[in-house]
């Protein structure tokens, strides 16, 4: 199993846009063979940081996702 970790710095003036982006990527990761674990915020400290975790059953599956993602119109 391979889990990817992404760190985001959120613009506080664009929270609605980040929410839309986040919901879109949950669907896209799942559509392209992964499992999106969701977005996580720190319980202390800066309130403009988020991370996302998404998992693939193998490194080969993750590499296949990256190829599909590069060709998928919705991912562009």
PDB file of N, CA and C in Angstrom:
ATOM      1  N   UNK A   1       0.849  -1.178   0.000  1.00  0.00           N
ATOM      2  CA  UNK A   1       0.000   0.000   0.000  1.00  0.00           C
ATOM      3  C   UNK A   1       0.894   1.240   0.000  1.00  0.00           C
ATOM      4  N   UNK A   2       0.489   2.254  -0.749  1.00  0.00           N
ATOM      5  CA  UNK A   2       1.205   3.523  -0.827  1.00  0.00           C
ATOM      6  C   UNK A   2       0.239   4.634  -0.435  1.00  0.00           C
ATOM      7  N   UNK A   3       0.653   5.467   0.523  1.00  0.00           N
ATOM      8  CA  UNK A   3      -0.169   6.607   0.924  1.00  0.00           C
ATOM      9  C   UNK A   3       0.569   7.888   0.591  1.00  0.00           C
ATOM     10  N   UNK A   4      -0.105   8.783  -0.124  1.00  0.00           N
ATOM     11  CA  UNK A   4       0.448  10.086  -0.491  1.00  0.00           C
ATOM     12  C   UNK A   4      -0.023  11.122   0.526  1.00  0.00           C
ATOM     13  N   UNK A   5       0.858  12.056   0.830  1.00  0.00           N
ATOM     14  CA  UNK A   5       0.579  13.135   1.781  1.00  0.00           C
ATOM     15  C   UNK A   5       0.798  14.450   1.057  1.00  0.00           C
ATOM     16  N   UNK A   6      -0.213  15.295   1.040  1.00  0.00           N
ATOM     17  CA  UNK A   6      -0.091  16.626   0.438  1.00  0.00           C
ATOM     18  C   UNK A   6      -0.334  17.675   1.504  1.00  0.00           C
ATOM     19  N   UNK A   7       0.494  18.692   1.531  1.00  0.00           N
ATOM     20  CA  UNK A   7       0.322  19.797   2.474  1.00  0.00           C
ATOM     21  C   UNK A   7      -0.146  21.027   1.699  1.00  0.00           C
ATOM     22  N   UNK A   8      -1.177  21.662   2.210  1.00  0.00           N
ATOM     23  CA  UNK A   8      -1.734  22.868   1.590  1.00  0.00           C
ATOM     24  C   UNK A   8      -1.607  24.045   2.538  1.00  0.00           C
ATOM     25  N   UNK A   9      -1.296  25.205   1.985  1.00  0.00           N
ATOM     26  CA  UNK A   9      -1.408  26.469   2.705  1.00  0.00           C
ATOM     27  C   UNK A   9      -2.623  27.157   2.094  1.00  0.00           C
ATOM     28  N   UNK A  10      -3.646  27.338   2.906  1.00  0.00           N
ATOM     29  CA  UNK A  10      -4.937  27.827   2.416  1.00  0.00           C
ATOM     30  C   UNK A  10      -5.004  29.347   2.523  1.00  0.00           C
ATOM     31  N   UNK A  11      -5.388  29.977   1.439  1.00  0.00           N
ATOM     32  CA  UNK A  11      -5.624  31.414   1.438  1.00  0.00           C
ATOM     33  C   UNK A  11      -6.928  31.667   2.192  1.00  0.00           C
ATOM     34  N   UNK A  12      -6.887  32.396   3.306  1.00  0.00           N
ATOM     35  CA  UNK A  12      -8.106  32.601   4.095  1.00  0.00           C
ATOM     36  C   UNK A  12      -9.207  33.350   3.346  1.00  0.00           C
ATOM     37  N   UNK A  13      -8.851  34.018   2.265  1.00  0.00           N
ATOM     38  CA  UNK A  13      -9.838  34.736   1.466  1.00  0.00           C
ATOM     39  C   UNK A  13     -10.431  33.858   0.362  1.00  0.00           C
ATOM     40  N   UNK A  14      -9.970  32.608   0.270  1.00  0.00           N
ATOM     41  CA  UNK A  14     -10.452  31.699  -0.766  1.00  0.00           C
ATOM     42  C   UNK A  14     -10.891  30.360  -0.178  1.00  0.00           C
ATOM     43  N   UNK A  15     -11.525  30.391   0.986  1.00  0.00           N
ATOM     44  CA  UNK A  15     -11.968  29.156   1.628  1.00  0.00           C
ATOM     45  C   UNK A  15     -12.991  28.404   0.788  1.00  0.00           C
ATOM     46  N   UNK A  16     -13.913  29.117   0.182  1.00  0.00           N
ATOM     47  CA  UNK A  16     -14.926  28.457  -0.657  1.00  0.00           C
ATOM     48  C   UNK A  16     -14.288  27.754  -1.851  1.00  0.00           C
ATOM     49  N   UNK A  17     -13.289  28.390  -2.452  1.00  0.00           N
ATOM     50  CA  UNK A  17     -12.598  27.785  -3.589  1.00  0.00           C
ATOM     51  C   UNK A  17     -11.838  26.527  -3.150  1.00  0.00           C
ATOM     52  N   UNK A  18     -11.191  26.589  -1.972  1.00  0.00           N
ATOM     53  CA  UNK A  18     -10.473  25.414  -1.489  1.00  0.00           C
ATOM     54  C   UNK A  18     -11.440  24.270  -1.192  1.00  0.00           C
ATOM     55  N   UNK A  19     -12.594  24.581  -0.632  1.00  0.00           N
ATOM     56  CA  UNK A  19     -13.590  23.549  -0.355  1.00  0.00           C
ATOM     57  C   UNK A  19     -14.058  22.884  -1.657  1.00  0.00           C
ATOM     58  N   UNK A  20     -14.310  23.692  -2.678  1.00  0.00           N
ATOM     59  CA  UNK A  20     -14.726  23.150  -3.984  1.00  0.00           C
ATOM     60  C   UNK A  20     -13.619  22.273  -4.578  1.00  0.00           C
ATOM     61  N   UNK A  21     -12.389  22.767  -4.533  1.00  0.00           N
ATOM     62  CA  UNK A  21     -11.230  22.020  -5.030  1.00  0.00           C
ATOM     63  C   UNK A  21     -11.094  20.693  -4.278  1.00  0.00           C
ATOM     64  N   UNK A  22     -11.194  20.752  -2.956  1.00  0.00           N
ATOM     65  CA  UNK A  22     -11.048  19.548  -2.144  1.00  0.00           C
ATOM     66  C   UNK A  22     -12.089  18.495  -2.454  1.00  0.00           C
ATOM     67  N   UNK A  23     -13.321  18.898  -2.574  1.00  0.00           N
ATOM     68  CA  UNK A  23     -14.394  17.949  -2.904  1.00  0.00           C
ATOM     69  C   UNK A  23     -14.167  17.333  -4.282  1.00  0.00           C
ATOM     70  N   UNK A  24     -13.705  18.152  -5.219  1.00  0.00           N
ATOM     71  CA  UNK A  24     -13.455  17.656  -6.560  1.00  0.00           C
ATOM     72  C   UNK A  24     -12.376  16.572  -6.541  1.00  0.00           C
ATOM     73  N   UNK A  25     -11.279  16.802  -5.810  1.00  0.00           N
ATOM     74  CA  UNK A  25     -10.181  15.845  -5.812  1.00  0.00           C
ATOM     75  C   UNK A  25     -10.510  14.567  -5.071  1.00  0.00           C
ATOM     76  N   UNK A  26     -11.376  14.612  -4.078  1.00  0.00           N
ATOM     77  CA  UNK A  26     -11.813  13.370  -3.434  1.00  0.00           C
ATOM     78  C   UNK A  26     -12.441  12.468  -4.492  1.00  0.00           C
ATOM     79  N   UNK A  27     -13.340  13.025  -5.265  1.00  0.00           N
ATOM     80  CA  UNK A  27     -14.026  12.260  -6.310  1.00  0.00           C
ATOM     81  C   UNK A  27     -13.046  11.781  -7.375  1.00  0.00           C
ATOM     82  N   UNK A  28     -12.123  12.656  -7.805  1.00  0.00           N
ATOM     83  CA  UNK A  28     -11.201  12.291  -8.876  1.00  0.00           C
ATOM     84  C   UNK A  28     -10.218  11.201  -8.453  1.00  0.00           C
ATOM     85  N   UNK A  29      -9.678  11.298  -7.260  1.00  0.00           N
ATOM     86  CA  UNK A  29      -8.754  10.260  -6.785  1.00  0.00           C
ATOM     87  C   UNK A  29      -9.474   8.924  -6.739  1.00  0.00           C
ATOM     88  N   UNK A  30     -10.692   8.923  -6.202  1.00  0.00           N
ATOM     89  CA  UNK A  30     -11.457   7.675  -6.131  1.00  0.00           C
ATOM     90  C   UNK A  30     -11.791   7.148  -7.528  1.00  0.00           C
ATOM     91  N   UNK A  31     -12.152   8.044  -8.443  1.00  0.00           N
ATOM     92  CA  UNK A  31     -12.481   7.658  -9.819  1.00  0.00           C
ATOM     93  C   UNK A  31     -11.288   7.009 -10.525  1.00  0.00           C
ATOM     94  N   UNK A  32     -10.088   7.481 -10.203  1.00  0.00           N
ATOM     95  CA  UNK A  32      -8.890   7.026 -10.910  1.00  0.00           C
ATOM     96  C   UNK A  32      -8.143   5.916 -10.173  1.00  0.00           C
ATOM     97  N   UNK A  33      -8.798   5.270  -9.212  1.00  0.00           N
ATOM     98  CA  UNK A  33      -8.216   4.069  -8.625  1.00  0.00           C
ATOM     99  C   UNK A  33      -7.655   4.178  -7.231  1.00  0.00           C
ATOM    100  N   UNK A  34      -7.691   5.360  -6.650  1.00  0.00           N
ATOM    101  CA  UNK A  34      -7.182   5.519  -5.292  1.00  0.00           C
ATOM    102  C   UNK A  34      -8.310   5.593  -4.286  1.00  0.00           C
ATOM    103  N   UNK A  35      -7.927   5.734  -3.029  1.00  0.00           N
ATOM    104  CA  UNK A  35      -8.884   5.975  -1.952  1.00  0.00           C
ATOM    105  C   UNK A  35      -8.454   7.253  -1.250  1.00  0.00           C
ATOM    106  N   UNK A  36      -9.269   8.282  -1.360  1.00  0.00           N
ATOM    107  CA  UNK A  36      -8.964   9.557  -0.713  1.00  0.00           C
ATOM    108  C   UNK A  36      -9.395   9.450   0.741  1.00  0.00           C
ATOM    109  N   UNK A  37      -8.464   9.698   1.654  1.00  0.00           N
ATOM    110  CA  UNK A  37      -8.744   9.578   3.084  1.00  0.00           C
ATOM    111  C   UNK A  37      -9.343  10.856   3.672  1.00  0.00           C
ATOM    112  N   UNK A  38      -9.287  11.944   2.917  1.00  0.00           N
ATOM    113  CA  UNK A  38      -9.866  13.197   3.379  1.00  0.00           C
ATOM    114  C   UNK A  38      -8.812  14.260   3.631  1.00  0.00           C
ATOM    115  N   UNK A  39      -9.277  15.386   4.160  1.00  0.00           N
ATOM    116  CA  UNK A  39      -8.430  16.530   4.480  1.00  0.00           C
ATOM    117  C   UNK A  39      -8.377  16.673   5.987  1.00  0.00           C
ATOM    118  N   UNK A  40      -7.218  17.061   6.482  1.00  0.00           N
ATOM    119  CA  UNK A  40      -7.001  17.147   7.916  1.00  0.00           C
ATOM    120  C   UNK A  40      -6.423  18.512   8.266  1.00  0.00           C
ATOM    121  N   UNK A  41      -6.893  19.066   9.374  1.00  0.00           N
ATOM    122  CA  UNK A  41      -6.426  20.360   9.858  1.00  0.00           C
ATOM    123  C   UNK A  41      -5.712  20.155  11.186  1.00  0.00           C
ATOM    124  N   UNK A  42      -4.719  20.997  11.503  1.00  0.00           N
ATOM    125  CA  UNK A  42      -4.038  20.853  12.789  1.00  0.00           C
ATOM    126  C   UNK A  42      -4.968  21.243  13.938  1.00  0.00           C
ATOM    127  N   UNK A  43      -4.781  20.628  15.077  1.00  0.00           N
ATOM    128  CA  UNK A  43      -5.617  20.981  16.226  1.00  0.00           C
ATOM    129  C   UNK A  43      -5.064  22.184  16.970  1.00  0.00           C
ATOM    130  N   UNK A  44      -3.812  22.550  16.695  1.00  0.00           N
ATOM    131  CA  UNK A  44      -3.197  23.726  17.294  1.00  0.00           C
ATOM    132  C   UNK A  44      -2.397  24.466  16.231  1.00  0.00           C
ATOM    133  N   UNK A  45      -2.053  25.691  16.542  1.00  0.00           N
ATOM    134  CA  UNK A  45      -1.172  26.447  15.649  1.00  0.00           C
ATOM    135  C   UNK A  45      -1.921  27.113  14.519  1.00  0.00           C
ATOM    136  N   UNK A  46      -1.244  27.203  13.380  1.00  0.00           N
ATOM    137  CA  UNK A  46      -1.785  27.911  12.218  1.00  0.00           C
ATOM    138  C   UNK A  46      -3.105  27.292  11.771  1.00  0.00           C
ATOM    139  N   UNK A  47      -4.032  28.149  11.405  1.00  0.00           N
ATOM    140  CA  UNK A  47      -5.337  27.653  10.946  1.00  0.00           C
ATOM    141  C   UNK A  47      -5.485  27.716   9.430  1.00  0.00           C
ATOM    142  N   UNK A  48      -4.387  27.939   8.726  1.00  0.00           N
ATOM    143  CA  UNK A  48      -4.446  27.992   7.265  1.00  0.00           C
ATOM    144  C   UNK A  48      -3.679  26.836   6.622  1.00  0.00           C
ATOM    145  N   UNK A  49      -3.439  25.788   7.392  1.00  0.00           N
ATOM    146  CA  UNK A  49      -2.713  24.619   6.902  1.00  0.00           C
ATOM    147  C   UNK A  49      -3.676  23.432   6.860  1.00  0.00           C
ATOM    148  N   UNK A  50      -3.605  22.656   5.804  1.00  0.00           N
ATOM    149  CA  UNK A  50      -4.380  21.416   5.708  1.00  0.00           C
ATOM    150  C   UNK A  50      -3.495  20.371   5.039  1.00  0.00           C
ATOM    151  N   UNK A  51      -3.787  19.136   5.294  1.00  0.00           N
ATOM    152  CA  UNK A  51      -3.110  18.080   4.553  1.00  0.00           C
ATOM    153  C   UNK A  51      -4.164  17.108   4.043  1.00  0.00           C
ATOM    154  N   UNK A  52      -3.808  16.423   2.980  1.00  0.00           N
ATOM    155  CA  UNK A  52      -4.684  15.411   2.389  1.00  0.00           C
ATOM    156  C   UNK A  52      -3.904  14.109   2.321  1.00  0.00           C
ATOM    157  N   UNK A  53      -4.598  13.019   2.546  1.00  0.00           N
ATOM    158  CA  UNK A  53      -4.010  11.691   2.424  1.00  0.00           C
ATOM    159  C   UNK A  53      -4.833  10.895   1.422  1.00  0.00           C
ATOM    160  N   UNK A  54      -4.151  10.231   0.505  1.00  0.00           N
ATOM    161  CA  UNK A  54      -4.844   9.312  -0.384  1.00  0.00           C
ATOM    162  C   UNK A  54      -3.955   8.101  -0.627  1.00  0.00           C
ATOM    163  N   UNK A  55      -4.597   6.952  -0.786  1.00  0.00           N
ATOM    164  CA  UNK A  55      -3.910   5.672  -0.754  1.00  0.00           C
ATOM    165  C   UNK A  55      -4.180   4.871  -2.023  1.00  0.00           C
ATOM    166  N   UNK A  56      -3.175   4.102  -2.409  1.00  0.00           N
ATOM    167  CA  UNK A  56      -3.265   3.178  -3.534  1.00  0.00           C
ATOM    168  C   UNK A  56      -2.791   1.806  -3.071  1.00  0.00           C
ATOM    169  N   UNK A  57      -3.314   0.740  -3.658  1.00  0.00           N
ATOM    170  CA  UNK A  57      -2.949  -0.597  -3.199  1.00  0.00           C
ATOM    171  C   UNK A  57      -1.480  -0.957  -3.450  1.00  0.00           C
ATOM    172  N   UNK A  58      -0.828  -0.241  -4.385  1.00  0.00           N
ATOM    173  CA  UNK A  58       0.570  -0.549  -4.694  1.00  0.00           C
ATOM    174  C   UNK A  58       1.211   0.662  -5.369  1.00  0.00           C
ATOM    175  N   UNK A  59       2.529   0.619  -5.479  1.00  0.00           N
ATOM    176  CA  UNK A  59       3.229   1.672  -6.201  1.00  0.00           C
ATOM    177  C   UNK A  59       2.829   1.663  -7.672  1.00  0.00           C
ATOM    178  N   UNK A  60       2.625   0.485  -8.233  1.00  0.00           N
ATOM    179  CA  UNK A  60       2.192   0.388  -9.636  1.00  0.00           C
ATOM    180  C   UNK A  60       0.830   1.059  -9.834  1.00  0.00           C
ATOM    181  N   UNK A  61      -0.082   0.875  -8.884  1.00  0.00           N
ATOM    182  CA  UNK A  61      -1.402   1.507  -8.978  1.00  0.00           C
ATOM    183  C   UNK A  61      -1.279   3.025  -8.888  1.00  0.00           C
ATOM    184  N   UNK A  62      -0.381   3.517  -8.040  1.00  0.00           N
ATOM    185  CA  UNK A  62      -0.156   4.960  -7.941  1.00  0.00           C
ATOM    186  C   UNK A  62       0.411   5.501  -9.251  1.00  0.00           C
ATOM    187  N   UNK A  63       1.370   4.790  -9.834  1.00  0.00           N
ATOM    188  CA  UNK A  63       1.945   5.222 -11.107  1.00  0.00           C
ATOM    189  C   UNK A  63       0.895   5.226 -12.213  1.00  0.00           C
ATOM    190  N   UNK A  64      -0.009   4.252 -12.200  1.00  0.00           N
ATOM    191  CA  UNK A  64      -1.107   4.217 -13.165  1.00  0.00           C
ATOM    192  C   UNK A  64      -2.038   5.415 -12.963  1.00  0.00           C
ATOM    193  N   UNK A  65      -2.320   5.753 -11.713  1.00  0.00           N
ATOM    194  CA  UNK A  65      -3.127   6.938 -11.381  1.00  0.00           C
ATOM    195  C   UNK A  65      -2.494   8.195 -11.981  1.00  0.00           C
ATOM    196  N   UNK A  66      -1.183   8.339 -11.842  1.00  0.00           N
ATOM    197  CA  UNK A  66      -0.519   9.538 -12.345  1.00  0.00           C
ATOM    198  C   UNK A  66      -0.640   9.643 -13.864  1.00  0.00           C
ATOM    199  N   UNK A  67      -0.565   8.534 -14.558  1.00  0.00           N
ATOM    200  CA  UNK A  67      -0.733   8.542 -16.021  1.00  0.00           C
ATOM    201  C   UNK A  67      -2.172   8.930 -16.363  1.00  0.00           C
ATOM    202  N   UNK A  68      -3.143   8.282 -15.700  1.00  0.00           N
ATOM    203  CA  UNK A  68      -4.566   8.594 -15.950  1.00  0.00           C
ATOM    204  C   UNK A  68      -4.852  10.064 -15.631  1.00  0.00           C
ATOM    205  N   UNK A  69      -4.304  10.554 -14.516  1.00  0.00           N
ATOM    206  CA  UNK A  69      -4.556  11.928 -14.092  1.00  0.00           C
ATOM    207  C   UNK A  69      -4.055  12.914 -15.139  1.00  0.00           C
ATOM    208  N   UNK A  70      -2.889  12.651 -15.708  1.00  0.00           N
ATOM    209  CA  UNK A  70      -2.312  13.558 -16.702  1.00  0.00           C
ATOM    210  C   UNK A  70      -3.157  13.617 -17.969  1.00  0.00           C
ATOM    211  N   UNK A  71      -3.926  12.563 -18.244  1.00  0.00           N
ATOM    212  CA  UNK A  71      -4.744  12.504 -19.459  1.00  0.00           C
ATOM    213  C   UNK A  71      -6.208  12.875 -19.233  1.00  0.00           C
ATOM    214  N   UNK A  72      -6.626  12.957 -17.993  1.00  0.00           N
ATOM    215  CA  UNK A  72      -8.032  13.180 -17.669  1.00  0.00           C
ATOM    216  C   UNK A  72      -8.379  14.672 -17.773  1.00  0.00           C
ATOM    217  N   UNK A  73      -9.388  14.987 -18.544  1.00  0.00           N
ATOM    218  CA  UNK A  73      -9.799  16.386 -18.743  1.00  0.00           C
ATOM    219  C   UNK A  73     -10.216  17.062 -17.440  1.00  0.00           C
ATOM    220  N   UNK A  74     -10.886  16.346 -16.542  1.00  0.00           N
ATOM    221  CA  UNK A  74     -11.312  16.950 -15.274  1.00  0.00           C
ATOM    222  C   UNK A  74     -10.126  17.305 -14.376  1.00  0.00           C
ATOM    223  N   UNK A  75      -9.040  16.566 -14.499  1.00  0.00           N
ATOM    224  CA  UNK A  75      -7.856  16.828 -13.672  1.00  0.00           C
ATOM    225  C   UNK A  75      -7.071  18.044 -14.151  1.00  0.00           C
ATOM    226  N   UNK A  76      -7.307  18.431 -15.392  1.00  0.00           N
ATOM    227  CA  UNK A  76      -6.564  19.572 -15.930  1.00  0.00           C
ATOM    228  C   UNK A  76      -7.038  20.838 -15.260  1.00  0.00           C
TER     229      UNK A  76
END
